């Protein structure tokens, strides 16, 4: 599959490369970022940011998945600075409903804290929804956020997602948006 680069008014969304590992680590290690993602869960239940080596291994897995599936985690690069400021992506996700599961496509994202509140993730998410619906032709796209992650919940609302309780995780909320081309 081809490694698609997407374009928004302020961002290039391009496939990650191994050369991005250090910049990705610098974002992942920010406590406000790894509070919700980019962390390792310890045996006692606590979390910590990934080490540089763990970040590199996780990034290489993401790169391999993108090469295999034709979509995945895109690097969000500022057009103004040409710096990696975060990521956004679409991934396969098995949504646990309790007695059964459904295969879904999940929108996910992360952003360096210094860029929060400027609409970058909404911009990237809008382009990924367009790509998912028009190019990949998926039926619907979901997103999951912790209940206390109001910033992510607000992104999901701005993207037009319906937000409900997650069917199997009481600490999370589930956002869903149907492909408008095939919605009832």
C-alpha atoms as a PDB file:
ATOM      1  CA  UNK A   1       0.000   0.000   0.000  1.00  0.00           C
ATOM      2  CA  UNK A   2       1.135   3.562  -0.592  1.00  0.00           C
ATOM      3  CA  UNK A   3       2.218   5.748   2.303  1.00  0.00           C
ATOM      4  CA  UNK A   4      -0.201   8.657   1.952  1.00  0.00           C
ATOM      5  CA  UNK A   5       0.699  12.192   3.021  1.00  0.00           C
ATOM      6  CA  UNK A   6      -2.237  14.449   3.879  1.00  0.00           C
ATOM      7  CA  UNK A   7      -2.350  18.228   3.859  1.00  0.00           C
ATOM      8  CA  UNK A   8      -4.267  20.737   6.000  1.00  0.00           C
ATOM      9  CA  UNK A   9      -3.979  24.533   6.086  1.00  0.00           C
ATOM     10  CA  UNK A  10      -1.327  24.446   8.845  1.00  0.00           C
ATOM     11  CA  UNK A  11      -0.090  20.857   8.935  1.00  0.00           C
ATOM     12  CA  UNK A  12       1.521  18.177   6.878  1.00  0.00           C
ATOM     13  CA  UNK A  13       0.307  14.763   8.024  1.00  0.00           C
ATOM     14  CA  UNK A  14       2.966  12.370   6.815  1.00  0.00           C
ATOM     15  CA  UNK A  15       3.954   8.834   7.692  1.00  0.00           C
ATOM     16  CA  UNK A  16       6.458   8.626  10.537  1.00  0.00           C
ATOM     17  CA  UNK A  17      10.027   7.551   9.825  1.00  0.00           C
ATOM     18  CA  UNK A  18      12.578   6.084  12.263  1.00  0.00           C
ATOM     19  CA  UNK A  19      14.307   9.493  12.231  1.00  0.00           C
ATOM     20  CA  UNK A  20      11.287  10.919  14.114  1.00  0.00           C
ATOM     21  CA  UNK A  21      11.906   8.803  17.230  1.00  0.00           C
ATOM     22  CA  UNK A  22      13.776  11.474  19.215  1.00  0.00           C
ATOM     23  CA  UNK A  23      11.207  14.189  18.487  1.00  0.00           C
ATOM     24  CA  UNK A  24       8.378  11.760  19.285  1.00  0.00           C
ATOM     25  CA  UNK A  25      10.067  10.894  22.585  1.00  0.00           C
ATOM     26  CA  UNK A  26      10.296  14.595  23.500  1.00  0.00           C
ATOM     27  CA  UNK A  27       6.518  14.865  23.076  1.00  0.00           C
ATOM     28  CA  UNK A  28       5.693  11.519  24.749  1.00  0.00           C
ATOM     29  CA  UNK A  29       7.746  12.368  27.829  1.00  0.00           C
ATOM     30  CA  UNK A  30       5.665  15.453  28.617  1.00  0.00           C
ATOM     31  CA  UNK A  31       3.679  14.523  31.726  1.00  0.00           C
ATOM     32  CA  UNK A  32       0.498  16.164  30.412  1.00  0.00           C
ATOM     33  CA  UNK A  33       0.765  14.091  27.209  1.00  0.00           C
ATOM     34  CA  UNK A  34       1.669  10.713  28.692  1.00  0.00           C
ATOM     35  CA  UNK A  35      -1.047  11.120  31.300  1.00  0.00           C
ATOM     36  CA  UNK A  36      -3.428   9.791  28.646  1.00  0.00           C
ATOM     37  CA  UNK A  37      -1.153   8.050  26.127  1.00  0.00           C
ATOM     38  CA  UNK A  38       2.446   7.233  25.316  1.00  0.00           C
ATOM     39  CA  UNK A  39       2.888   5.588  28.692  1.00  0.00           C
ATOM     40  CA  UNK A  40       3.884   2.277  30.171  1.00  0.00           C
ATOM     41  CA  UNK A  41       1.664   0.742  32.850  1.00  0.00           C
ATOM     42  CA  UNK A  42       3.709  -0.676  35.709  1.00  0.00           C
ATOM     43  CA  UNK A  43       2.815  -3.845  37.638  1.00  0.00           C
ATOM     44  CA  UNK A  44       1.449  -1.738  40.518  1.00  0.00           C
ATOM     45  CA  UNK A  45      -0.943   0.107  38.148  1.00  0.00           C
ATOM     46  CA  UNK A  46       0.998   3.367  38.001  1.00  0.00           C
ATOM     47  CA  UNK A  47       2.076   4.819  34.661  1.00  0.00           C
ATOM     48  CA  UNK A  48       5.242   6.428  33.372  1.00  0.00           C
ATOM     49  CA  UNK A  49       6.409   7.900  30.116  1.00  0.00           C
ATOM     50  CA  UNK A  50       8.252   5.654  27.692  1.00  0.00           C
ATOM     51  CA  UNK A  51      12.032   5.587  27.600  1.00  0.00           C
ATOM     52  CA  UNK A  52      13.730   6.647  24.342  1.00  0.00           C
ATOM     53  CA  UNK A  53      14.219   2.964  23.470  1.00  0.00           C
ATOM     54  CA  UNK A  54      10.576   2.097  24.204  1.00  0.00           C
ATOM     55  CA  UNK A  55       9.459   5.079  22.123  1.00  0.00           C
ATOM     56  CA  UNK A  56      11.611   3.922  19.194  1.00  0.00           C
ATOM     57  CA  UNK A  57      10.246   0.352  19.395  1.00  0.00           C
ATOM     58  CA  UNK A  58       6.641   1.580  19.587  1.00  0.00           C
ATOM     59  CA  UNK A  59       7.233   3.935  16.656  1.00  0.00           C
ATOM     60  CA  UNK A  60       8.750   1.160  14.543  1.00  0.00           C
ATOM     61  CA  UNK A  61       5.668  -0.992  15.233  1.00  0.00           C
ATOM     62  CA  UNK A  62       3.442   1.898  14.140  1.00  0.00           C
ATOM     63  CA  UNK A  63       5.507   2.395  10.958  1.00  0.00           C
ATOM     64  CA  UNK A  64       5.211  -1.308  10.131  1.00  0.00           C
ATOM     65  CA  UNK A  65       1.442  -1.281  10.674  1.00  0.00           C
ATOM     66  CA  UNK A  66       1.098   1.775   8.411  1.00  0.00           C
ATOM     67  CA  UNK A  67       3.127   0.086   5.673  1.00  0.00           C
ATOM     68  CA  UNK A  68       0.958  -3.026   5.928  1.00  0.00           C
ATOM     69  CA  UNK A  69      -2.479  -1.397   6.200  1.00  0.00           C
ATOM     70  CA  UNK A  70      -2.004   1.830   4.227  1.00  0.00           C
ATOM     71  CA  UNK A  71      -3.069   3.987   7.155  1.00  0.00           C
ATOM     72  CA  UNK A  72      -2.113   4.388  10.778  1.00  0.00           C
ATOM     73  CA  UNK A  73      -0.277   7.031  12.776  1.00  0.00           C
ATOM     74  CA  UNK A  74       0.650  10.178  10.842  1.00  0.00           C
ATOM     75  CA  UNK A  75       3.265  12.651  12.051  1.00  0.00           C
ATOM     76  CA  UNK A  76       1.708  16.105  12.474  1.00  0.00           C
ATOM     77  CA  UNK A  77       4.312  18.552  11.182  1.00  0.00           C
ATOM     78  CA  UNK A  78       3.810  22.308  11.413  1.00  0.00           C
ATOM     79  CA  UNK A  79       4.048  23.974   8.012  1.00  0.00           C
ATOM     80  CA  UNK A  80       5.292  27.141   9.708  1.00  0.00           C
ATOM     81  CA  UNK A  81       8.224  25.585  11.553  1.00  0.00           C
ATOM     82  CA  UNK A  82       8.635  22.200   9.812  1.00  0.00           C
ATOM     83  CA  UNK A  83       8.731  20.627  13.307  1.00  0.00           C
ATOM     84  CA  UNK A  84       6.983  17.519  14.532  1.00  0.00           C
ATOM     85  CA  UNK A  85       4.350  18.835  16.946  1.00  0.00           C
ATOM     86  CA  UNK A  86       2.258  15.703  17.432  1.00  0.00           C
ATOM     87  CA  UNK A  87       0.447  12.920  15.648  1.00  0.00           C
ATOM     88  CA  UNK A  88      -2.985  11.825  14.557  1.00  0.00           C
ATOM     89  CA  UNK A  89      -4.127   8.600  13.044  1.00  0.00           C
ATOM     90  CA  UNK A  90      -6.648   5.963  12.182  1.00  0.00           C
ATOM     91  CA  UNK A  91      -6.221   2.436  13.480  1.00  0.00           C
ATOM     92  CA  UNK A  92      -8.093  -0.820  13.693  1.00  0.00           C
ATOM     93  CA  UNK A  93      -9.726  -1.186  17.104  1.00  0.00           C
ATOM     94  CA  UNK A  94     -11.721  -4.034  18.606  1.00  0.00           C
ATOM     95  CA  UNK A  95     -14.506  -2.354  20.613  1.00  0.00           C
ATOM     96  CA  UNK A  96     -15.537  -4.500  23.563  1.00  0.00           C
ATOM     97  CA  UNK A  97     -19.291  -4.357  24.187  1.00  0.00           C
ATOM     98  CA  UNK A  98     -19.193  -6.942  26.992  1.00  0.00           C
ATOM     99  CA  UNK A  99     -20.845 -10.013  25.465  1.00  0.00           C
ATOM    100  CA  UNK A 100     -19.440  -9.266  21.978  1.00  0.00           C
ATOM    101  CA  UNK A 101     -16.945  -7.010  20.181  1.00  0.00           C
ATOM    102  CA  UNK A 102     -17.096  -5.023  16.957  1.00  0.00           C
ATOM    103  CA  UNK A 103     -14.201  -4.149  14.655  1.00  0.00           C
ATOM    104  CA  UNK A 104     -13.892  -0.376  14.342  1.00  0.00           C
ATOM    105  CA  UNK A 105     -11.649   2.288  12.895  1.00  0.00           C
ATOM    106  CA  UNK A 106     -10.484   4.581  15.684  1.00  0.00           C
ATOM    107  CA  UNK A 107      -9.290   8.167  15.380  1.00  0.00           C
ATOM    108  CA  UNK A 108      -6.472   8.885  17.842  1.00  0.00           C
ATOM    109  CA  UNK A 109      -4.163  11.831  18.391  1.00  0.00           C
ATOM    110  CA  UNK A 110      -1.579  13.490  20.585  1.00  0.00           C
ATOM    111  CA  UNK A 111       0.028  16.906  20.597  1.00  0.00           C
ATOM    112  CA  UNK A 112       2.953  18.614  22.287  1.00  0.00           C
ATOM    113  CA  UNK A 113       1.514  20.646  25.156  1.00  0.00           C
ATOM    114  CA  UNK A 114       2.874  23.942  23.833  1.00  0.00           C
ATOM    115  CA  UNK A 115       0.482  23.624  20.856  1.00  0.00           C
ATOM    116  CA  UNK A 116      -2.666  22.845  22.840  1.00  0.00           C
ATOM    117  CA  UNK A 117      -5.663  25.115  22.397  1.00  0.00           C
ATOM    118  CA  UNK A 118      -4.815  26.217  18.854  1.00  0.00           C
ATOM    119  CA  UNK A 119      -7.066  23.849  16.898  1.00  0.00           C
ATOM    120  CA  UNK A 120      -4.310  21.668  15.422  1.00  0.00           C
ATOM    121  CA  UNK A 121      -5.891  18.376  16.465  1.00  0.00           C
ATOM    122  CA  UNK A 122      -9.332  19.424  15.256  1.00  0.00           C
ATOM    123  CA  UNK A 123      -7.712  20.367  11.936  1.00  0.00           C
ATOM    124  CA  UNK A 124      -5.889  17.030  11.693  1.00  0.00           C
ATOM    125  CA  UNK A 125      -8.989  15.120  12.806  1.00  0.00           C
ATOM    126  CA  UNK A 126     -11.137  16.809  10.175  1.00  0.00           C
ATOM    127  CA  UNK A 127      -8.697  15.743   7.459  1.00  0.00           C
ATOM    128  CA  UNK A 128      -8.485  12.189   8.801  1.00  0.00           C
ATOM    129  CA  UNK A 129     -12.273  11.893   8.893  1.00  0.00           C
ATOM    130  CA  UNK A 130     -12.372  13.087   5.284  1.00  0.00           C
ATOM    131  CA  UNK A 131      -9.677  10.566   4.346  1.00  0.00           C
ATOM    132  CA  UNK A 132     -11.385   7.755   6.235  1.00  0.00           C
ATOM    133  CA  UNK A 133     -14.790   8.384   4.701  1.00  0.00           C
ATOM    134  CA  UNK A 134     -13.872   9.421   1.148  1.00  0.00           C
ATOM    135  CA  UNK A 135     -10.672   7.458   0.465  1.00  0.00           C
ATOM    136  CA  UNK A 136     -10.863   4.444   2.767  1.00  0.00           C
ATOM    137  CA  UNK A 137     -14.689   4.416   2.525  1.00  0.00           C
ATOM    138  CA  UNK A 138     -15.222   3.222   6.092  1.00  0.00           C
ATOM    139  CA  UNK A 139     -18.741   3.070   7.499  1.00  0.00           C
ATOM    140  CA  UNK A 140     -17.954   4.923  10.723  1.00  0.00           C
ATOM    141  CA  UNK A 141     -15.079   6.198  12.816  1.00  0.00           C
ATOM    142  CA  UNK A 142     -14.834   6.027  16.593  1.00  0.00           C
ATOM    143  CA  UNK A 143     -12.621   7.676  19.178  1.00  0.00           C
ATOM    144  CA  UNK A 144     -12.049   6.888  22.839  1.00  0.00           C
ATOM    145  CA  UNK A 145     -11.082   9.309  25.610  1.00  0.00           C
ATOM    146  CA  UNK A 146     -10.909   9.153  29.380  1.00  0.00           C
ATOM    147  CA  UNK A 147     -13.890  10.848  31.045  1.00  0.00           C
ATOM    148  CA  UNK A 148     -11.637  13.475  32.621  1.00  0.00           C
ATOM    149  CA  UNK A 149      -9.868  14.299  29.337  1.00  0.00           C
ATOM    150  CA  UNK A 150     -12.113  17.259  28.532  1.00  0.00           C
ATOM    151  CA  UNK A 151      -9.801  18.502  25.772  1.00  0.00           C
ATOM    152  CA  UNK A 152     -10.154  15.250  23.806  1.00  0.00           C
ATOM    153  CA  UNK A 153     -13.887  15.109  24.448  1.00  0.00           C
ATOM    154  CA  UNK A 154     -14.180  18.659  23.096  1.00  0.00           C
ATOM    155  CA  UNK A 155     -12.199  17.687  19.987  1.00  0.00           C
ATOM    156  CA  UNK A 156     -14.596  14.807  19.428  1.00  0.00           C
ATOM    157  CA  UNK A 157     -17.562  17.206  19.758  1.00  0.00           C
ATOM    158  CA  UNK A 158     -16.021  19.717  17.319  1.00  0.00           C
ATOM    159  CA  UNK A 159     -15.550  16.873  14.835  1.00  0.00           C
ATOM    160  CA  UNK A 160     -19.269  16.111  15.041  1.00  0.00           C
ATOM    161  CA  UNK A 161     -19.034  12.863  16.999  1.00  0.00           C
ATOM    162  CA  UNK A 162     -21.829  11.565  19.182  1.00  0.00           C
ATOM    163  CA  UNK A 163     -20.373  10.907  22.623  1.00  0.00           C
ATOM    164  CA  UNK A 164     -21.681   8.165  24.870  1.00  0.00           C
ATOM    165  CA  UNK A 165     -20.457   6.027  27.736  1.00  0.00           C
ATOM    166  CA  UNK A 166     -17.902   3.472  26.608  1.00  0.00           C
ATOM    167  CA  UNK A 167     -19.685   0.092  26.599  1.00  0.00           C
ATOM    168  CA  UNK A 168     -17.032  -1.745  28.627  1.00  0.00           C
ATOM    169  CA  UNK A 169     -14.732   0.859  30.225  1.00  0.00           C
ATOM    170  CA  UNK A 170     -16.418   2.994  32.900  1.00  0.00           C
ATOM    171  CA  UNK A 171     -13.457   5.416  32.897  1.00  0.00           C
ATOM    172  CA  UNK A 172     -13.822   6.223  29.178  1.00  0.00           C
ATOM    173  CA  UNK A 173     -16.208   7.821  26.726  1.00  0.00           C
ATOM    174  CA  UNK A 174     -16.805   6.706  23.138  1.00  0.00           C
ATOM    175  CA  UNK A 175     -17.189   9.117  20.235  1.00  0.00           C
ATOM    176  CA  UNK A 176     -18.821   7.899  17.016  1.00  0.00           C
ATOM    177  CA  UNK A 177     -19.378   9.543  13.653  1.00  0.00           C
ATOM    178  CA  UNK A 178     -21.018   7.831  10.682  1.00  0.00           C
ATOM    179  CA  UNK A 179     -19.893   8.277   7.108  1.00  0.00           C
ATOM    180  CA  UNK A 180     -22.270  10.975   5.815  1.00  0.00           C
ATOM    181  CA  UNK A 181     -22.243   9.396   2.338  1.00  0.00           C
ATOM    182  CA  UNK A 182     -23.871   6.218   3.660  1.00  0.00           C
ATOM    183  CA  UNK A 183     -25.690   7.402   6.783  1.00  0.00           C
ATOM    184  CA  UNK A 184     -29.408   6.496   6.957  1.00  0.00           C
END
